[in-house]
Amino acid sequence: MLKEHYGFDFMEFCTICAGEKELVSEFNRLTGHQMGVPRSGLDKAIDEACGRDPDVEAFPDFIKMCLLLWDSHDKVIEAEGISGNGQRKQ
């Protein structure tokens, strides 16, 4: 879907999204994660030893959810015949 329409794949899209401070802030608020927030040396060492970063692992799932919600929203708008200004199309 993304590749055909926009020229980049899902993980490239996630990288673009990770650069959006407001989206990352909402991700952190809604999920309890701390992506982009400086972590202690101990937390970094534990993540490196385990070979994982829980924030980075959870972010693509959050983006998938956002895309699904956006797609559902567009389908409802289309089905209801609502224009961009919120009024029903005549």
N, C-alpha and C. Protein backbone atom coordinates (compact mmCIF):
# COMPACT_ATOMS: atom_id res chain seq x y z
N MET A 1 0.82 -1.20 0.00
CA MET A 1 0.00 0.00 0.00
C MET A 1 0.86 1.25 0.00
N LEU A 2 1.75 1.40 0.96
CA LEU A 2 2.57 2.61 1.04
C LEU A 2 3.54 2.72 -0.12
N LYS A 3 4.18 1.60 -0.45
CA LYS A 3 5.20 1.60 -1.50
C LYS A 3 4.59 2.05 -2.83
N GLU A 4 3.43 1.51 -3.16
CA GLU A 4 2.80 1.85 -4.43
C GLU A 4 2.35 3.31 -4.47
N HIS A 5 1.82 3.81 -3.37
CA HIS A 5 1.25 5.16 -3.36
C HIS A 5 2.27 6.24 -3.06
N TYR A 6 3.24 5.95 -2.19
CA TYR A 6 4.13 7.02 -1.71
C TYR A 6 5.60 6.80 -2.01
N GLY A 7 5.97 5.59 -2.45
CA GLY A 7 7.35 5.34 -2.83
C GLY A 7 8.26 4.88 -1.70
N PHE A 8 7.70 4.56 -0.53
CA PHE A 8 8.50 4.02 0.56
C PHE A 8 7.73 2.91 1.25
N ASP A 9 8.49 2.00 1.89
CA ASP A 9 7.83 0.88 2.56
C ASP A 9 7.46 1.24 4.00
N PHE A 10 6.86 0.29 4.68
CA PHE A 10 6.34 0.54 6.02
C PHE A 10 7.42 0.96 7.01
N MET A 11 8.57 0.27 7.00
CA MET A 11 9.62 0.61 7.96
C MET A 11 10.22 1.99 7.65
N GLU A 12 10.31 2.34 6.39
CA GLU A 12 10.75 3.70 6.03
C GLU A 12 9.74 4.72 6.54
N PHE A 13 8.46 4.39 6.43
CA PHE A 13 7.41 5.26 6.94
C PHE A 13 7.52 5.42 8.46
N CYS A 14 7.82 4.32 9.16
CA CYS A 14 8.00 4.38 10.61
C CYS A 14 9.16 5.30 10.98
N THR A 15 10.23 5.25 10.19
CA THR A 15 11.38 6.13 10.43
C THR A 15 10.99 7.59 10.26
N ILE A 16 10.20 7.87 9.23
CA ILE A 16 9.71 9.24 9.02
C ILE A 16 8.86 9.66 10.21
N CYS A 17 7.97 8.78 10.65
CA CYS A 17 7.08 9.08 11.79
C CYS A 17 7.87 9.31 13.07
N ALA A 18 8.95 8.56 13.25
CA ALA A 18 9.77 8.71 14.46
C ALA A 18 10.41 10.10 14.54
N GLY A 19 10.50 10.78 13.42
CA GLY A 19 11.04 12.14 13.40
C GLY A 19 10.01 13.21 13.74
N GLU A 20 8.76 12.80 13.89
CA GLU A 20 7.68 13.74 14.22
C GLU A 20 7.51 13.80 15.73
N LYS A 21 7.97 14.88 16.34
CA LYS A 21 7.97 14.99 17.81
C LYS A 21 6.58 14.84 18.42
N GLU A 22 5.58 15.44 17.79
CA GLU A 22 4.23 15.37 18.36
C GLU A 22 3.70 13.93 18.33
N LEU A 23 3.96 13.21 17.25
CA LEU A 23 3.52 11.81 17.16
C LEU A 23 4.23 10.95 18.19
N VAL A 24 5.53 11.14 18.34
CA VAL A 24 6.29 10.38 19.34
C VAL A 24 5.79 10.71 20.74
N SER A 25 5.49 11.97 20.98
CA SER A 25 4.96 12.38 22.29
C SER A 25 3.63 11.68 22.58
N GLU A 26 2.76 11.59 21.57
CA GLU A 26 1.48 10.90 21.75
C GLU A 26 1.69 9.40 21.93
N PHE A 27 2.63 8.83 21.19
CA PHE A 27 2.98 7.42 21.37
C PHE A 27 3.38 7.17 22.81
N ASN A 28 4.26 8.00 23.34
CA ASN A 28 4.70 7.85 24.73
C ASN A 28 3.55 8.01 25.71
N ARG A 29 2.71 9.01 25.48
CA ARG A 29 1.59 9.27 26.39
C ARG A 29 0.60 8.12 26.39
N LEU A 30 0.27 7.61 25.21
CA LEU A 30 -0.76 6.57 25.10
C LEU A 30 -0.28 5.18 25.48
N THR A 31 1.02 4.93 25.33
CA THR A 31 1.53 3.58 25.57
C THR A 31 2.37 3.45 26.84
N GLY A 32 2.79 4.57 27.41
CA GLY A 32 3.65 4.51 28.58
C GLY A 32 5.12 4.31 28.24
N HIS A 33 5.44 4.28 26.96
CA HIS A 33 6.84 4.15 26.55
C HIS A 33 7.56 5.48 26.72
N GLN A 34 8.86 5.45 26.54
CA GLN A 34 9.68 6.65 26.72
C GLN A 34 10.60 6.88 25.51
N MET A 35 10.07 6.66 24.32
CA MET A 35 10.87 6.80 23.10
C MET A 35 11.37 8.23 22.97
N GLY A 36 12.66 8.38 22.73
CA GLY A 36 13.26 9.70 22.56
C GLY A 36 13.64 10.39 23.85
N VAL A 37 13.27 9.81 24.97
CA VAL A 37 13.59 10.38 26.28
C VAL A 37 14.92 9.77 26.74
N PRO A 38 15.86 10.60 27.16
CA PRO A 38 17.15 10.05 27.62
C PRO A 38 16.94 9.03 28.74
N ARG A 39 17.62 7.90 28.61
CA ARG A 39 17.52 6.85 29.61
C ARG A 39 18.81 6.77 30.41
N SER A 40 18.70 6.15 31.56
CA SER A 40 19.88 6.00 32.42
C SER A 40 20.86 5.03 31.76
N GLY A 41 22.10 5.11 32.19
CA GLY A 41 23.13 4.20 31.69
C GLY A 41 22.78 2.75 31.96
N LEU A 42 22.18 2.49 33.11
CA LEU A 42 21.80 1.13 33.46
C LEU A 42 20.72 0.61 32.51
N ASP A 43 19.70 1.43 32.24
CA ASP A 43 18.65 1.02 31.32
C ASP A 43 19.21 0.72 29.93
N LYS A 44 20.10 1.58 29.45
CA LYS A 44 20.72 1.36 28.15
C LYS A 44 21.52 0.07 28.13
N ALA A 45 22.28 -0.18 29.21
CA ALA A 45 23.11 -1.38 29.29
C ALA A 45 22.24 -2.65 29.30
N ILE A 46 21.12 -2.60 30.01
CA ILE A 46 20.22 -3.75 30.06
C ILE A 46 19.63 -4.02 28.68
N ASP A 47 19.17 -2.97 28.00
CA ASP A 47 18.61 -3.13 26.66
C ASP A 47 19.64 -3.68 25.68
N GLU A 48 20.87 -3.17 25.77
CA GLU A 48 21.93 -3.65 24.88
C GLU A 48 22.26 -5.11 25.18
N ALA A 49 22.32 -5.47 26.46
CA ALA A 49 22.63 -6.85 26.84
C ALA A 49 21.54 -7.81 26.37
N CYS A 50 20.29 -7.35 26.41
CA CYS A 50 19.16 -8.18 25.97
C CYS A 50 18.97 -8.13 24.46
N GLY A 51 19.62 -7.18 23.83
CA GLY A 51 19.47 -7.04 22.38
C GLY A 51 18.12 -6.53 21.95
N ARG A 52 17.53 -5.68 22.77
CA ARG A 52 16.22 -5.15 22.42
C ARG A 52 16.03 -3.73 22.94
N ASP A 53 15.13 -3.03 22.29
CA ASP A 53 14.73 -1.69 22.73
C ASP A 53 13.21 -1.68 22.70
N PRO A 54 12.56 -1.77 23.86
CA PRO A 54 11.10 -1.91 23.89
C PRO A 54 10.36 -0.77 23.20
N ASP A 55 10.92 0.44 23.25
CA ASP A 55 10.26 1.57 22.60
C ASP A 55 10.27 1.40 21.09
N VAL A 56 11.43 1.06 20.55
CA VAL A 56 11.57 0.91 19.10
C VAL A 56 10.77 -0.29 18.61
N GLU A 57 10.66 -1.33 19.41
CA GLU A 57 9.90 -2.51 19.01
C GLU A 57 8.40 -2.23 19.00
N ALA A 58 7.91 -1.37 19.87
CA ALA A 58 6.48 -1.10 19.97
C ALA A 58 6.00 -0.04 18.98
N PHE A 59 6.88 0.82 18.53
CA PHE A 59 6.49 1.94 17.67
C PHE A 59 5.84 1.49 16.36
N PRO A 60 6.38 0.50 15.63
CA PRO A 60 5.71 0.08 14.39
C PRO A 60 4.28 -0.41 14.61
N ASP A 61 4.01 -1.09 15.71
CA ASP A 61 2.63 -1.52 16.00
C ASP A 61 1.71 -0.32 16.21
N PHE A 62 2.24 0.70 16.87
CA PHE A 62 1.47 1.93 17.08
C PHE A 62 1.16 2.60 15.74
N ILE A 63 2.14 2.63 14.85
CA ILE A 63 1.93 3.24 13.53
C ILE A 63 0.91 2.43 12.74
N LYS A 64 0.98 1.11 12.81
CA LYS A 64 -0.02 0.27 12.13
C LYS A 64 -1.42 0.60 12.63
N MET A 65 -1.57 0.75 13.96
CA MET A 65 -2.86 1.09 14.52
C MET A 65 -3.34 2.44 13.99
N CYS A 66 -2.45 3.42 13.93
CA CYS A 66 -2.82 4.74 13.41
C CYS A 66 -3.27 4.65 11.96
N LEU A 67 -2.55 3.88 11.15
CA LEU A 67 -2.92 3.73 9.74
C LEU A 67 -4.27 3.05 9.60
N LEU A 68 -4.52 2.03 10.42
CA LEU A 68 -5.82 1.34 10.36
C LEU A 68 -6.95 2.28 10.76
N LEU A 69 -6.73 3.07 11.80
CA LEU A 69 -7.75 4.03 12.22
C LEU A 69 -8.00 5.08 11.15
N TRP A 70 -6.93 5.56 10.53
CA TRP A 70 -7.06 6.57 9.48
C TRP A 70 -7.82 5.99 8.29
N ASP A 71 -7.48 4.75 7.89
CA ASP A 71 -8.15 4.11 6.77
C ASP A 71 -9.63 3.89 7.09
N SER A 72 -9.93 3.46 8.31
CA SER A 72 -11.33 3.27 8.72
C SER A 72 -12.08 4.59 8.70
N HIS A 73 -11.43 5.64 9.17
CA HIS A 73 -12.03 6.97 9.19
C HIS A 73 -12.38 7.40 7.77
N ASP A 74 -11.45 7.22 6.83
CA ASP A 74 -11.69 7.59 5.44
C ASP A 74 -12.86 6.81 4.85
N LYS A 75 -12.96 5.52 5.19
CA LYS A 75 -14.05 4.70 4.66
C LYS A 75 -15.40 5.15 5.21
N VAL A 76 -15.44 5.54 6.47
CA VAL A 76 -16.69 6.03 7.06
C VAL A 76 -17.10 7.35 6.40
N ILE A 77 -16.13 8.23 6.23
CA ILE A 77 -16.40 9.52 5.58
C ILE A 77 -16.94 9.30 4.17
N GLU A 78 -16.32 8.39 3.45
CA GLU A 78 -16.75 8.09 2.08
C GLU A 78 -18.14 7.46 2.08
N ALA A 79 -18.39 6.52 2.97
CA ALA A 79 -19.68 5.83 3.02
C ALA A 79 -20.80 6.78 3.43
N GLU A 80 -20.49 7.70 4.33
CA GLU A 80 -21.51 8.64 4.81
C GLU A 80 -21.71 9.81 3.85
N GLY A 81 -20.80 9.95 2.88
CA GLY A 81 -20.92 11.05 1.92
C GLY A 81 -20.63 12.40 2.55
N ILE A 82 -19.66 12.44 3.46
CA ILE A 82 -19.33 13.70 4.15
C ILE A 82 -18.15 14.35 3.44
N SER A 83 -18.26 15.65 3.21
CA SER A 83 -17.19 16.37 2.53
C SER A 83 -16.11 16.76 3.55
N GLY A 84 -15.03 17.36 3.05
CA GLY A 84 -13.91 17.75 3.91
C GLY A 84 -14.27 18.73 5.00
N ASN A 85 -15.37 19.50 4.85
CA ASN A 85 -15.75 20.48 5.87
C ASN A 85 -16.73 19.91 6.88
N GLY A 86 -16.99 18.59 6.81
CA GLY A 86 -17.87 17.95 7.78
C GLY A 86 -19.33 17.97 7.41
N GLN A 87 -19.67 18.57 6.28
CA GLN A 87 -21.06 18.65 5.81
C GLN A 87 -21.34 17.49 4.88
N ARG A 88 -22.58 17.02 4.89
CA ARG A 88 -22.98 15.98 3.95
C ARG A 88 -22.94 16.54 2.53
N LYS A 89 -22.42 15.69 1.61
CA LYS A 89 -22.40 16.10 0.21
C LYS A 89 -23.82 16.08 -0.33
N GLN A 90 -24.11 17.03 -1.17
CA GLN A 90 -25.46 17.13 -1.78
C GLN A 90 -25.55 16.29 -3.02
